[in-house]
C-alpha atoms as a PDB file:
ATOM      1  CA  UNK A   1     130.094 155.867  43.510  1.00  0.00           C
ATOM      2  CA  UNK A   2     131.825 159.235  43.792  1.00  0.00           C
ATOM      3  CA  UNK A   3     135.364 157.808  43.704  1.00  0.00           C
ATOM      4  CA  UNK A   4     134.693 156.012  40.439  1.00  0.00           C
ATOM      5  CA  UNK A   5     132.300 158.550  38.870  1.00  0.00           C
ATOM      6  CA  UNK A   6     129.447 156.058  38.598  1.00  0.00           C
ATOM      7  CA  UNK A   7     126.091 157.053  37.128  1.00  0.00           C
ATOM      8  CA  UNK A   8     123.315 154.529  36.626  1.00  0.00           C
ATOM      9  CA  UNK A   9     120.388 154.563  34.189  1.00  0.00           C
ATOM     10  CA  UNK A  10     117.731 154.419  36.903  1.00  0.00           C
ATOM     11  CA  UNK A  11     117.074 153.240  40.462  1.00  0.00           C
ATOM     12  CA  UNK A  12     116.616 149.612  39.367  1.00  0.00           C
ATOM     13  CA  UNK A  13     120.009 149.665  37.605  1.00  0.00           C
ATOM     14  CA  UNK A  14     121.530 151.289  40.682  1.00  0.00           C
ATOM     15  CA  UNK A  15     120.061 148.511  42.869  1.00  0.00           C
ATOM     16  CA  UNK A  16     121.446 145.761  40.575  1.00  0.00           C
ATOM     17  CA  UNK A  17     124.924 147.294  40.746  1.00  0.00           C
ATOM     18  CA  UNK A  18     124.627 147.802  44.500  1.00  0.00           C
ATOM     19  CA  UNK A  19     123.881 144.085  44.952  1.00  0.00           C
ATOM     20  CA  UNK A  20     126.829 143.216  42.697  1.00  0.00           C
ATOM     21  CA  UNK A  21     129.005 145.496  44.831  1.00  0.00           C
ATOM     22  CA  UNK A  22     127.838 143.740  48.027  1.00  0.00           C
ATOM     23  CA  UNK A  23     128.692 140.330  46.492  1.00  0.00           C
ATOM     24  CA  UNK A  24     132.117 141.639  45.474  1.00  0.00           C
ATOM     25  CA  UNK A  25     132.722 142.844  49.043  1.00  0.00           C
ATOM     26  CA  UNK A  26     131.919 139.354  50.310  1.00  0.00           C
ATOM     27  CA  UNK A  27     134.413 137.851  47.854  1.00  0.00           C
ATOM     28  CA  UNK A  28     137.055 140.436  48.827  1.00  0.00           C
ATOM     29  CA  UNK A  29     136.579 139.695  52.532  1.00  0.00           C
ATOM     30  CA  UNK A  30     136.643 135.931  51.958  1.00  0.00           C
ATOM     31  CA  UNK A  31     139.842 136.138  49.890  1.00  0.00           C
ATOM     32  CA  UNK A  32     141.567 138.527  52.303  1.00  0.00           C
ATOM     33  CA  UNK A  33     140.857 136.055  55.119  1.00  0.00           C
ATOM     34  CA  UNK A  34     142.876 133.356  53.315  1.00  0.00           C
ATOM     35  CA  UNK A  35     146.473 132.772  54.497  1.00  0.00           C
ATOM     36  CA  UNK A  36     148.394 134.179  51.541  1.00  0.00           C
ATOM     37  CA  UNK A  37     150.108 137.409  50.622  1.00  0.00           C
ATOM     38  CA  UNK A  38     147.534 138.729  48.138  1.00  0.00           C
ATOM     39  CA  UNK A  39     145.443 141.727  49.176  1.00  0.00           C
ATOM     40  CA  UNK A  40     142.092 142.298  47.507  1.00  0.00           C
ATOM     41  CA  UNK A  41     140.329 145.655  47.582  1.00  0.00           C
ATOM     42  CA  UNK A  42     137.551 147.681  46.019  1.00  0.00           C
ATOM     43  CA  UNK A  43     138.329 148.925  42.520  1.00  0.00           C
ATOM     44  CA  UNK A  44     136.528 150.357  39.498  1.00  0.00           C
ATOM     45  CA  UNK A  45     135.095 146.909  38.701  1.00  0.00           C
ATOM     46  CA  UNK A  46     133.575 146.256  42.133  1.00  0.00           C
ATOM     47  CA  UNK A  47     130.013 147.104  41.099  1.00  0.00           C
ATOM     48  CA  UNK A  48     130.053 145.180  37.817  1.00  0.00           C
ATOM     49  CA  UNK A  49     127.583 142.349  37.502  1.00  0.00           C
ATOM     50  CA  UNK A  50     128.913 138.925  36.495  1.00  0.00           C
ATOM     51  CA  UNK A  51     127.338 139.407  33.065  1.00  0.00           C
ATOM     52  CA  UNK A  52     129.150 142.707  32.549  1.00  0.00           C
ATOM     53  CA  UNK A  53     132.417 141.196  33.655  1.00  0.00           C
ATOM     54  CA  UNK A  54     131.961 138.273  31.296  1.00  0.00           C
ATOM     55  CA  UNK A  55     131.189 140.543  28.412  1.00  0.00           C
ATOM     56  CA  UNK A  56     133.866 143.177  29.017  1.00  0.00           C
ATOM     57  CA  UNK A  57     136.696 141.347  30.752  1.00  0.00           C
ATOM     58  CA  UNK A  58     136.114 137.691  29.855  1.00  0.00           C
ATOM     59  CA  UNK A  59     135.449 136.808  33.496  1.00  0.00           C
ATOM     60  CA  UNK A  60     135.319 133.174  34.438  1.00  0.00           C
ATOM     61  CA  UNK A  61     132.752 131.946  36.926  1.00  0.00           C
ATOM     62  CA  UNK A  62     134.407 129.342  39.113  1.00  0.00           C
ATOM     63  CA  UNK A  63     132.733 126.776  41.349  1.00  0.00           C
ATOM     64  CA  UNK A  64     134.880 127.500  44.392  1.00  0.00           C
ATOM     65  CA  UNK A  65     134.762 131.287  44.011  1.00  0.00           C
ATOM     66  CA  UNK A  66     131.733 133.162  42.825  1.00  0.00           C
ATOM     67  CA  UNK A  67     133.792 135.515  40.709  1.00  0.00           C
ATOM     68  CA  UNK A  68     137.344 135.578  39.386  1.00  0.00           C
ATOM     69  CA  UNK A  69     138.635 138.146  36.942  1.00  0.00           C
ATOM     70  CA  UNK A  70     140.875 137.014  34.158  1.00  0.00           C
ATOM     71  CA  UNK A  71     142.452 139.601  31.913  1.00  0.00           C
ATOM     72  CA  UNK A  72     142.553 138.458  28.252  1.00  0.00           C
ATOM     73  CA  UNK A  73     146.256 139.269  27.961  1.00  0.00           C
ATOM     74  CA  UNK A  74     147.057 137.274  31.087  1.00  0.00           C
ATOM     75  CA  UNK A  75     144.931 134.395  29.818  1.00  0.00           C
ATOM     76  CA  UNK A  76     146.950 134.280  26.601  1.00  0.00           C
ATOM     77  CA  UNK A  77     150.242 134.399  28.517  1.00  0.00           C
ATOM     78  CA  UNK A  78     149.027 131.670  30.877  1.00  0.00           C
ATOM     79  CA  UNK A  79     147.960 129.449  27.983  1.00  0.00           C
ATOM     80  CA  UNK A  80     151.306 129.943  26.242  1.00  0.00           C
ATOM     81  CA  UNK A  81     153.202 129.115  29.437  1.00  0.00           C
ATOM     82  CA  UNK A  82     151.065 126.011  29.915  1.00  0.00           C
ATOM     83  CA  UNK A  83     151.688 124.889  26.324  1.00  0.00           C
ATOM     84  CA  UNK A  84     155.440 125.357  26.732  1.00  0.00           C
ATOM     85  CA  UNK A  85     155.448 123.448  30.040  1.00  0.00           C
ATOM     86  CA  UNK A  86     153.427 120.605  28.557  1.00  0.00           C
ATOM     87  CA  UNK A  87     155.807 120.456  25.592  1.00  0.00           C
ATOM     88  CA  UNK A  88     158.811 120.035  27.884  1.00  0.00           C
ATOM     89  CA  UNK A  89     157.016 117.498  30.068  1.00  0.00           C
ATOM     90  CA  UNK A  90     156.167 115.472  26.961  1.00  0.00           C
ATOM     91  CA  UNK A  91     159.728 115.774  25.704  1.00  0.00           C
ATOM     92  CA  UNK A  92     161.089 114.497  29.004  1.00  0.00           C
ATOM     93  CA  UNK A  93     158.530 111.696  29.123  1.00  0.00           C
ATOM     94  CA  UNK A  94     159.370 110.348  25.671  1.00  0.00           C
ATOM     95  CA  UNK A  95     163.132 110.688  25.947  1.00  0.00           C
ATOM     96  CA  UNK A  96     165.497 108.788  28.152  1.00  0.00           C
ATOM     97  CA  UNK A  97     167.424 111.974  28.761  1.00  0.00           C
ATOM     98  CA  UNK A  98     170.961 111.208  29.865  1.00  0.00           C
ATOM     99  CA  UNK A  99     170.198 107.697  31.040  1.00  0.00           C
ATOM    100  CA  UNK A 100     172.922 105.251  30.078  1.00  0.00           C
ATOM    101  CA  UNK A 101     172.320 102.321  27.769  1.00  0.00           C
ATOM    102  CA  UNK A 102     175.087  99.744  27.582  1.00  0.00           C
ATOM    103  CA  UNK A 103     176.023  97.634  24.588  1.00  0.00           C
ATOM    104  CA  UNK A 104     176.034  94.093  25.974  1.00  0.00           C
ATOM    105  CA  UNK A 105     178.574  93.128  23.291  1.00  0.00           C
ATOM    106  CA  UNK A 106     181.025  95.453  25.041  1.00  0.00           C
ATOM    107  CA  UNK A 107     180.473  93.817  28.434  1.00  0.00           C
ATOM    108  CA  UNK A 108     184.039  92.399  28.626  1.00  0.00           C
ATOM    109  CA  UNK A 109     185.569  95.882  28.204  1.00  0.00           C
ATOM    110  CA  UNK A 110     183.027  97.398  30.599  1.00  0.00           C
ATOM    111  CA  UNK A 111     183.812  94.698  33.168  1.00  0.00           C
ATOM    112  CA  UNK A 112     187.567  95.376  32.903  1.00  0.00           C
ATOM    113  CA  UNK A 113     186.901  99.091  33.408  1.00  0.00           C
ATOM    114  CA  UNK A 114     184.582  98.269  36.329  1.00  0.00           C
ATOM    115  CA  UNK A 115     187.277  96.105  37.984  1.00  0.00           C
ATOM    116  CA  UNK A 116     189.791  98.930  37.603  1.00  0.00           C
ATOM    117  CA  UNK A 117     187.424 101.679  38.843  1.00  0.00           C
ATOM    118  CA  UNK A 118     186.228  99.686  41.858  1.00  0.00           C
ATOM    119  CA  UNK A 119     189.546  97.946  42.563  1.00  0.00           C
ATOM    120  CA  UNK A 120     188.072  94.458  42.206  1.00  0.00           C
ATOM    121  CA  UNK A 121     190.225  91.339  42.609  1.00  0.00           C
ATOM    122  CA  UNK A 122     188.724  87.862  42.539  1.00  0.00           C
ATOM    123  CA  UNK A 123     189.900  84.619  44.175  1.00  0.00           C
ATOM    124  CA  UNK A 124     190.335  82.771  40.905  1.00  0.00           C
ATOM    125  CA  UNK A 125     189.094  82.630  37.298  1.00  0.00           C
ATOM    126  CA  UNK A 126     185.898  80.789  38.304  1.00  0.00           C
ATOM    127  CA  UNK A 127     185.071  83.517  40.842  1.00  0.00           C
ATOM    128  CA  UNK A 128     185.867  86.187  38.242  1.00  0.00           C
ATOM    129  CA  UNK A 129     183.594  84.448  35.703  1.00  0.00           C
ATOM    130  CA  UNK A 130     180.728  84.229  38.227  1.00  0.00           C
ATOM    131  CA  UNK A 131     181.021  87.963  38.937  1.00  0.00           C
ATOM    132  CA  UNK A 132     181.320  88.731  35.224  1.00  0.00           C
ATOM    133  CA  UNK A 133     178.041  86.874  34.561  1.00  0.00           C
ATOM    134  CA  UNK A 134     176.380  88.803  37.400  1.00  0.00           C
ATOM    135  CA  UNK A 135     177.762  92.033  35.900  1.00  0.00           C
ATOM    136  CA  UNK A 136     176.286  91.197  32.473  1.00  0.00           C
ATOM    137  CA  UNK A 137     172.881  90.440  34.027  1.00  0.00           C
ATOM    138  CA  UNK A 138     173.037  93.731  35.909  1.00  0.00           C
ATOM    139  CA  UNK A 139     173.857  95.579  32.660  1.00  0.00           C
ATOM    140  CA  UNK A 140     170.722  94.057  31.126  1.00  0.00           C
ATOM    141  CA  UNK A 141     168.707  95.138  34.177  1.00  0.00           C
ATOM    142  CA  UNK A 142     170.150  98.670  33.985  1.00  0.00           C
ATOM    143  CA  UNK A 143     169.216  98.905  30.284  1.00  0.00           C
ATOM    144  CA  UNK A 144     165.708  97.568  30.925  1.00  0.00           C
ATOM    145  CA  UNK A 145     165.032  99.916  33.866  1.00  0.00           C
ATOM    146  CA  UNK A 146     166.444 102.983  32.090  1.00  0.00           C
ATOM    147  CA  UNK A 147     164.134 102.306  29.139  1.00  0.00           C
ATOM    148  CA  UNK A 148     161.089 102.694  31.417  1.00  0.00           C
ATOM    149  CA  UNK A 149     159.393 106.122  31.621  1.00  0.00           C
ATOM    150  CA  UNK A 150     160.305 107.198  35.136  1.00  0.00           C
ATOM    151  CA  UNK A 151     162.686 109.712  36.650  1.00  0.00           C
ATOM    152  CA  UNK A 152     165.121 107.218  38.209  1.00  0.00           C
ATOM    153  CA  UNK A 153     168.443 106.643  36.466  1.00  0.00           C
ATOM    154  CA  UNK A 154     170.213 103.319  36.899  1.00  0.00           C
ATOM    155  CA  UNK A 155     173.933 102.931  36.249  1.00  0.00           C
ATOM    156  CA  UNK A 156     176.979 100.826  37.005  1.00  0.00           C
ATOM    157  CA  UNK A 157     177.960 101.098  40.659  1.00  0.00           C
ATOM    158  CA  UNK A 158     179.977  99.196  43.259  1.00  0.00           C
ATOM    159  CA  UNK A 159     177.288  96.493  43.449  1.00  0.00           C
ATOM    160  CA  UNK A 160     177.168  95.768  39.714  1.00  0.00           C
ATOM    161  CA  UNK A 161     179.214  92.566  39.965  1.00  0.00           C
ATOM    162  CA  UNK A 162     177.390  91.131  42.974  1.00  0.00           C
ATOM    163  CA  UNK A 163     175.833  87.750  42.469  1.00  0.00           C
ATOM    164  CA  UNK A 164     172.224  87.239  43.556  1.00  0.00           C
ATOM    165  CA  UNK A 165     173.503  85.347  46.619  1.00  0.00           C
ATOM    166  CA  UNK A 166     175.769  88.236  47.653  1.00  0.00           C
ATOM    167  CA  UNK A 167     172.945  90.738  47.204  1.00  0.00           C
ATOM    168  CA  UNK A 168     170.666  88.524  49.303  1.00  0.00           C
ATOM    169  CA  UNK A 169     173.283  88.362  52.082  1.00  0.00           C
ATOM    170  CA  UNK A 170     173.594  92.152  52.121  1.00  0.00           C
ATOM    171  CA  UNK A 171     169.838  92.583  52.036  1.00  0.00           C
ATOM    172  CA  UNK A 172     169.303  90.069  54.869  1.00  0.00           C
ATOM    173  CA  UNK A 173     171.826  91.889  57.085  1.00  0.00           C
ATOM    174  CA  UNK A 174     169.826  95.090  56.791  1.00  0.00           C
END
């Protein structure tokens, strides 16, 4: 009482604030026992009743903790940060970001580039055509999967010309 220059209206008021102080001490001890770096201590608000805290400092009564102080300025900052985060999450969710989408009409040029980049040579024209068809199907799969709202990005890679049989052989080996 001395440290914070407290004066109460009467003995009943003093008793109410004493009980609030005891509850605050329990909360302080409980929080200080938690494994984190925060340190809680007695301060000028330690004898405030929950009603006073609500009225003066917009306190929030939580289920898991009897009392948690929330400063109005910090509440506003928190809400603004949450709004900004939600905006960016929504933006990411509705956009495909940098996920590639291939024009199937340009598949012949893409296949030629693929063969050059991955040094592909086929036995004959029939083999080349079979791998080209597999490549086109894989382009369609890449486009379909990249249109879905998830974080994975699918793209052309060294397996893009594999036929279903070749993929099955590789998968069965593993």
